[in-house]
Amino acid sequence: MYQNKIKLTPQDILEKNFKIDMRGYCLTEVDRFLDDIIGDYEQFLEIINNLEKEKTDLLSEIMQLKQELRNSQLSVEVASKTKAGGEVTNVDIIRRLSQLEKMVYESRNNNSEEKNN
């Protein structure tokens, strides 16, 4: 995915040979090579920052899904207790569904607001 953005490999850097003139290495050649290295480092930093942001977003989504799972498990628990204690009517089921929908839509709205910020 990122290979086409990176010019040099560690082996390229290790095996680089510069032309030698009267004063030592050719300064323009060394400068160009160092510019390539700087460009690669900038790409590496951009890639790292993007991956860190993606990781943060995914961790946030995991936390939200875990909360939804806990809420669903709690609702199932309450429903099973109600059923054991007495008869469940259609009104009870509709009321529980309404509460679950409200929790889901509120958490989705909160997540979309967080992503927009």
Protein backbone atom coordinates (compact mmCIF):
# COMPACT_ATOMS: atom_id res chain seq x y z
CA MET A 1 0.00 0.00 0.00
CA TYR A 2 2.77 2.44 0.91
CA GLN A 3 5.62 0.89 -1.14
CA ASN A 4 5.17 3.28 -4.07
CA LYS A 5 5.60 6.32 -1.77
CA ILE A 6 8.93 5.20 -0.28
CA LYS A 7 11.96 5.61 -2.57
CA LEU A 8 14.75 3.95 -0.58
CA THR A 9 15.11 0.65 1.17
CA PRO A 10 17.53 0.14 4.06
CA GLN A 11 19.70 -1.85 1.63
CA ASP A 12 19.74 1.09 -0.85
CA ILE A 13 21.03 3.39 1.89
CA LEU A 14 23.63 0.88 3.04
CA GLU A 15 24.97 0.22 -0.46
CA LYS A 16 24.99 3.83 -1.67
CA ASN A 17 28.34 4.89 -3.12
CA PHE A 18 29.12 8.51 -3.92
CA LYS A 19 31.46 9.78 -6.60
CA ILE A 20 34.67 11.23 -5.24
CA ASP A 21 36.09 14.44 -6.65
CA MET A 22 39.08 16.54 -5.57
CA ARG A 23 37.53 17.71 -2.28
CA GLY A 24 35.84 14.43 -1.32
CA TYR A 25 32.34 13.28 -2.11
CA CYS A 26 30.30 15.11 -4.74
CA LEU A 27 28.22 17.53 -2.67
CA THR A 28 25.27 17.73 -5.07
CA GLU A 29 25.00 13.94 -5.19
CA VAL A 30 25.10 13.69 -1.37
CA ASP A 31 22.53 16.51 -1.07
CA ARG A 32 20.14 14.78 -3.50
CA PHE A 33 20.49 11.51 -1.62
CA LEU A 34 19.82 13.22 1.71
CA ASP A 35 16.76 14.95 0.18
CA ASP A 36 15.42 11.49 -0.78
CA ILE A 37 16.01 10.24 2.76
CA ILE A 38 14.21 13.29 4.22
CA GLY A 39 11.28 12.71 1.85
CA ASP A 40 11.03 9.09 2.94
CA TYR A 41 11.10 10.09 6.61
CA GLU A 42 8.27 12.56 6.00
CA GLN A 43 6.26 9.76 4.35
CA PHE A 44 6.99 7.44 7.28
CA LEU A 45 5.76 10.05 9.76
CA GLU A 46 2.60 10.64 7.73
CA ILE A 47 1.93 6.90 7.55
CA ILE A 48 2.49 6.51 11.30
CA ASN A 49 0.16 9.42 12.10
CA ASN A 50 -2.57 8.03 9.82
CA LEU A 51 -2.28 4.58 11.39
CA GLU A 52 -2.41 6.04 14.90
CA LYS A 53 -5.58 7.96 14.03
CA GLU A 54 -7.13 4.83 12.50
CA LYS A 55 -6.21 2.85 15.62
CA THR A 56 -7.83 5.47 17.86
CA ASP A 57 -11.00 5.45 15.75
CA LEU A 58 -11.17 1.65 15.84
CA LEU A 59 -10.65 1.54 19.61
CA SER A 60 -13.44 4.07 20.04
CA GLU A 61 -15.73 1.97 17.86
CA ILE A 62 -14.87 -1.14 19.87
CA MET A 63 -15.77 0.62 23.11
CA GLN A 64 -19.08 1.76 21.63
CA LEU A 65 -19.92 -1.75 20.42
CA LYS A 66 -19.04 -3.23 23.80
CA GLN A 67 -21.40 -0.74 25.45
CA GLU A 68 -24.17 -1.65 23.02
CA LEU A 69 -23.56 -5.33 23.77
CA ARG A 70 -23.81 -4.69 27.53
CA ASN A 71 -27.04 -2.75 27.03
CA SER A 72 -28.48 -5.55 24.90
CA GLN A 73 -27.49 -8.18 27.44
CA LEU A 74 -29.10 -6.12 30.19
CA SER A 75 -32.30 -5.80 28.17
CA VAL A 76 -32.37 -9.54 27.55
CA GLU A 77 -31.84 -10.13 31.26
CA VAL A 78 -34.68 -7.77 32.17
CA ALA A 79 -36.93 -9.37 29.57
CA SER A 80 -36.23 -12.88 30.85
CA LYS A 81 -36.89 -11.81 34.45
CA THR A 82 -40.16 -10.17 33.44
CA LYS A 83 -41.18 -13.28 31.55
CA ALA A 84 -40.40 -15.49 34.57
CA GLY A 85 -42.32 -13.21 36.90
CA GLY A 86 -45.42 -12.83 34.78
CA GLU A 87 -46.87 -12.63 31.31
CA VAL A 88 -45.20 -10.39 28.73
CA THR A 89 -47.60 -8.35 26.64
CA ASN A 90 -47.12 -6.76 23.25
CA VAL A 91 -46.99 -3.37 24.95
CA ASP A 92 -44.01 -4.55 27.06
CA ILE A 93 -42.20 -5.74 23.94
CA ILE A 94 -42.86 -2.50 22.06
CA ARG A 95 -41.70 -0.47 25.05
CA ARG A 96 -38.42 -2.44 25.27
CA LEU A 97 -37.84 -2.13 21.53
CA SER A 98 -38.40 1.59 21.75
CA GLN A 99 -35.86 1.89 24.57
CA LEU A 100 -33.30 -0.17 22.65
CA GLU A 101 -33.75 1.92 19.50
CA LYS A 102 -33.34 5.08 21.52
CA MET A 103 -30.05 3.83 23.02
CA VAL A 104 -28.70 2.72 19.63
CA TYR A 105 -29.59 5.95 17.83
CA GLU A 106 -28.18 8.08 20.66
CA SER A 107 -24.87 6.20 20.60
CA ARG A 108 -24.67 6.44 16.80
CA ASN A 109 -25.39 10.17 16.91
CA ASN A 110 -22.72 10.63 19.58
CA ASN A 111 -20.19 8.70 17.48
CA SER A 112 -20.98 10.65 14.32
CA GLU A 113 -20.59 13.91 16.24
CA GLU A 114 -17.22 12.72 17.60
CA LYS A 115 -16.01 11.79 14.12
CA ASN A 116 -17.10 15.16 12.74
CA ASN A 117 -15.12 16.97 15.47
